[in-house]
């Protein structure tokens, strides 16, 4: 008699086999995701190191523990911030800013402090110092002029506020970020010796 070979029965997929097969399929994507996460973590760590080592971190400013997000979540405070930024050189009083916020003055002060974590006066000084810091980084104007453009009325108040939040004077900060652009007096005009002209301007020669 001839024996008929029975067809091989298919392999039974046990839970362990299914798990191993699934792992083989998703392994490439898992490795790719792991590499992506590592790169992102390295980028975050690099950004953190840069913030710590640069003035952009404003470590001295953040010691106040301000709730900066309050200006996003609360419409009254958002209106206050927009007004202050739109009028950097104006004299801003509590009466006026309370009117912008739609509150009475006595309620506005308590409301602002409870939401932001500092008085409005302190926050206003900080905002002006931040503006002055940006101007110092970008402009070669005299320090006194930059203070005026930031909303400070005199140089002493400006220097005191700047040092309060950054632990450095405006002049020293400028030297640290723009060492090649110091404030310097205008250069004297050079006159060729062969011209026979006096090197002094007419006013110094007695010409009226």
Protein backbone atom coordinates (compact mmCIF):
# COMPACT_ATOMS: atom_id res chain seq x y z
CA UNK A 1 0.00 0.00 0.00
CA UNK A 2 1.11 3.49 -0.77
CA UNK A 3 1.20 5.92 2.05
CA UNK A 4 -0.11 9.40 1.33
CA UNK A 5 1.84 12.15 3.05
CA UNK A 6 -0.42 14.49 4.92
CA UNK A 7 0.14 18.22 4.33
CA UNK A 8 2.19 19.98 6.95
CA UNK A 9 0.01 21.71 9.42
CA UNK A 10 0.56 25.47 9.73
CA UNK A 11 2.63 26.66 12.65
CA UNK A 12 0.57 27.65 15.59
CA UNK A 13 1.00 31.36 16.44
CA UNK A 14 1.52 31.45 20.17
CA UNK A 15 1.35 34.75 22.08
CA UNK A 16 5.14 34.73 22.48
CA UNK A 17 5.64 34.27 18.72
CA UNK A 18 3.21 37.07 17.93
CA UNK A 19 5.01 39.37 20.35
CA UNK A 20 8.39 38.59 18.80
CA UNK A 21 7.10 39.21 15.28
CA UNK A 22 5.50 42.49 16.27
CA UNK A 23 8.72 43.63 17.89
CA UNK A 24 10.68 42.84 14.73
CA UNK A 25 8.28 44.95 12.67
CA UNK A 26 8.29 47.99 14.90
CA UNK A 27 11.96 47.86 15.90
CA UNK A 28 13.13 50.26 13.13
CA UNK A 29 10.53 52.87 14.01
CA UNK A 30 11.34 52.51 17.73
CA UNK A 31 15.02 53.11 17.06
CA UNK A 32 14.15 56.11 14.89
CA UNK A 33 11.90 57.57 17.60
CA UNK A 34 14.59 56.98 20.21
CA UNK A 35 17.14 58.85 18.12
CA UNK A 36 14.68 61.69 17.58
CA UNK A 37 14.04 61.95 21.31
CA UNK A 38 17.77 61.97 22.00
CA UNK A 39 18.31 64.77 19.49
CA UNK A 40 15.49 66.80 20.98
CA UNK A 41 16.87 66.31 24.46
CA UNK A 42 20.30 67.44 23.27
CA UNK A 43 18.75 70.53 21.66
CA UNK A 44 16.90 71.40 24.87
CA UNK A 45 20.03 70.96 26.95
CA UNK A 46 22.02 73.12 24.52
CA UNK A 47 19.39 75.85 24.63
CA UNK A 48 19.38 75.72 28.42
CA UNK A 49 23.17 76.05 28.53
CA UNK A 50 23.03 78.98 26.13
CA UNK A 51 20.38 80.73 28.22
CA UNK A 52 22.41 80.30 31.38
CA UNK A 53 25.61 81.55 29.78
CA UNK A 54 24.06 84.52 27.96
CA UNK A 55 22.32 87.69 29.00
CA UNK A 56 19.15 86.56 27.27
CA UNK A 57 18.38 84.42 30.28
CA UNK A 58 17.87 87.48 32.48
CA UNK A 59 18.61 85.44 35.60
CA UNK A 60 18.59 88.51 37.79
CA UNK A 61 15.26 89.61 36.38
CA UNK A 62 13.56 86.28 36.97
CA UNK A 63 14.37 86.34 40.68
CA UNK A 64 11.06 88.20 41.12
CA UNK A 65 9.15 85.02 40.17
CA UNK A 66 6.74 86.93 37.99
CA UNK A 67 3.75 85.21 36.44
CA UNK A 68 4.36 86.38 32.87
CA UNK A 69 1.56 84.17 31.54
CA UNK A 70 -0.97 86.37 33.36
CA UNK A 71 -0.69 88.88 30.51
CA UNK A 72 -1.89 86.17 28.13
CA UNK A 73 -4.74 84.72 30.16
CA UNK A 74 -6.29 87.90 31.59
CA UNK A 75 -7.65 90.45 29.08
CA UNK A 76 -7.31 93.34 31.55
CA UNK A 77 -3.60 92.68 32.01
CA UNK A 78 -3.13 92.09 28.30
CA UNK A 79 -4.54 95.56 27.63
CA UNK A 80 -2.16 97.01 30.24
CA UNK A 81 0.87 95.35 28.68
CA UNK A 82 -0.10 96.48 25.17
CA UNK A 83 -0.54 100.06 26.35
CA UNK A 84 2.82 100.14 28.14
CA UNK A 85 4.64 98.72 25.12
CA UNK A 86 2.91 101.16 22.77
CA UNK A 87 3.87 104.18 24.95
CA UNK A 88 7.45 103.44 26.09
CA UNK A 89 8.44 107.07 26.73
CA UNK A 90 5.17 108.34 28.23
CA UNK A 91 4.62 109.13 31.88
CA UNK A 92 2.31 106.34 33.01
CA UNK A 93 0.30 106.89 36.18
CA UNK A 94 -1.69 104.40 38.19
CA UNK A 95 -4.87 106.33 37.46
CA UNK A 96 -4.32 106.05 33.73
CA UNK A 97 -3.31 102.40 33.76
CA UNK A 98 -6.23 101.48 36.03
CA UNK A 99 -8.51 103.16 33.49
CA UNK A 100 -6.94 101.04 30.73
CA UNK A 101 -7.63 97.92 32.80
CA UNK A 102 -11.20 99.01 33.49
CA UNK A 103 -10.78 99.04 37.27
CA UNK A 104 -10.64 101.60 40.01
CA UNK A 105 -7.17 102.51 41.19
CA UNK A 106 -7.52 100.96 44.65
CA UNK A 107 -8.70 97.66 43.15
CA UNK A 108 -6.22 97.65 40.26
CA UNK A 109 -3.11 97.59 42.46
CA UNK A 110 -4.32 94.56 44.42
CA UNK A 111 -5.56 92.84 41.26
CA UNK A 112 -2.26 93.33 39.42
CA UNK A 113 -0.15 92.09 42.30
CA UNK A 114 -2.30 89.01 42.89
CA UNK A 115 -2.07 87.96 39.24
CA UNK A 116 1.48 88.97 38.30
CA UNK A 117 3.30 88.56 41.62
CA UNK A 118 4.70 92.10 41.84
CA UNK A 119 3.42 95.65 42.03
CA UNK A 120 2.70 97.51 38.82
CA UNK A 121 5.49 99.99 39.56
CA UNK A 122 8.06 97.19 39.89
CA UNK A 123 6.84 95.50 36.72
CA UNK A 124 6.94 98.81 34.83
CA UNK A 125 10.56 99.37 35.87
CA UNK A 126 11.43 95.85 34.80
CA UNK A 127 9.73 96.33 31.43
CA UNK A 128 11.68 99.53 30.84
CA UNK A 129 14.95 97.91 31.83
CA UNK A 130 14.27 95.10 29.37
CA UNK A 131 13.66 97.65 26.63
CA UNK A 132 16.85 99.50 27.55
CA UNK A 133 18.77 96.21 27.46
CA UNK A 134 17.54 95.53 23.93
CA UNK A 135 18.42 99.06 22.81
CA UNK A 136 21.92 98.77 24.27
CA UNK A 137 22.43 95.55 22.33
CA UNK A 138 21.33 97.17 19.06
CA UNK A 139 22.19 100.89 19.21
CA UNK A 140 25.29 103.03 19.72
CA UNK A 141 23.41 105.99 21.18
CA UNK A 142 24.57 107.58 24.45
CA UNK A 143 23.47 105.79 27.59
CA UNK A 144 21.44 108.79 28.74
CA UNK A 145 19.56 108.83 25.42
CA UNK A 146 18.80 105.12 25.64
CA UNK A 147 17.46 105.66 29.15
CA UNK A 148 15.08 108.33 27.87
CA UNK A 149 13.92 106.10 25.01
CA UNK A 150 13.15 103.41 27.57
CA UNK A 151 10.98 105.70 29.69
CA UNK A 152 13.40 106.83 32.41
CA UNK A 153 13.41 110.55 33.20
CA UNK A 154 17.01 110.87 34.40
CA UNK A 155 20.23 108.93 34.13
CA UNK A 156 20.52 108.17 37.86
CA UNK A 157 17.10 106.53 37.99
CA UNK A 158 17.95 104.56 34.86
CA UNK A 159 21.29 103.30 36.16
CA UNK A 160 19.82 102.41 39.55
CA UNK A 161 16.95 100.41 38.01
CA UNK A 162 19.24 98.70 35.48
CA UNK A 163 21.64 97.58 38.18
CA UNK A 164 18.76 96.49 40.41
CA UNK A 165 17.59 93.92 37.87
CA UNK A 166 20.83 93.01 36.09
CA UNK A 167 23.51 93.58 38.77
CA UNK A 168 25.52 95.67 36.29
CA UNK A 169 25.50 99.28 35.10
CA UNK A 170 24.28 100.12 31.58
CA UNK A 171 27.80 101.18 30.54
CA UNK A 172 29.35 97.94 31.79
CA UNK A 173 26.66 95.89 30.08
CA UNK A 174 27.26 97.69 26.79
CA UNK A 175 30.97 96.99 27.07
CA UNK A 176 30.26 93.29 27.63
CA UNK A 177 27.93 92.86 24.64
CA UNK A 178 29.38 95.47 22.26
CA UNK A 179 33.07 95.85 23.11
CA UNK A 180 33.84 97.20 19.64
CA UNK A 181 31.20 99.93 19.77
CA UNK A 182 31.95 102.07 22.81
CA UNK A 183 30.69 105.59 23.21
CA UNK A 184 33.46 107.83 21.94
CA UNK A 185 33.76 111.56 21.23
CA UNK A 186 33.62 112.63 17.57
CA UNK A 187 36.92 112.52 15.76
CA UNK A 188 38.73 115.80 15.14
CA UNK A 189 38.75 117.04 11.58
CA UNK A 190 42.14 116.64 9.91
CA UNK A 191 43.44 119.53 7.75
CA UNK A 192 46.32 118.96 5.30
CA UNK A 193 49.42 120.95 6.25
CA UNK A 194 50.04 121.98 2.65
CA UNK A 195 46.73 123.82 2.44
CA UNK A 196 47.95 126.67 4.62
CA UNK A 197 44.68 126.68 6.56
CA UNK A 198 44.51 126.99 10.31
CA UNK A 199 43.49 123.77 12.07
CA UNK A 200 41.15 125.73 14.35
CA UNK A 201 37.53 126.47 13.40
CA UNK A 202 36.64 130.13 12.60
CA UNK A 203 34.95 130.63 15.98
CA UNK A 204 38.26 129.97 17.75
CA UNK A 205 40.08 132.45 15.51
CA UNK A 206 38.01 135.35 16.71
CA UNK A 207 35.75 135.48 13.63
CA UNK A 208 32.33 136.72 14.59
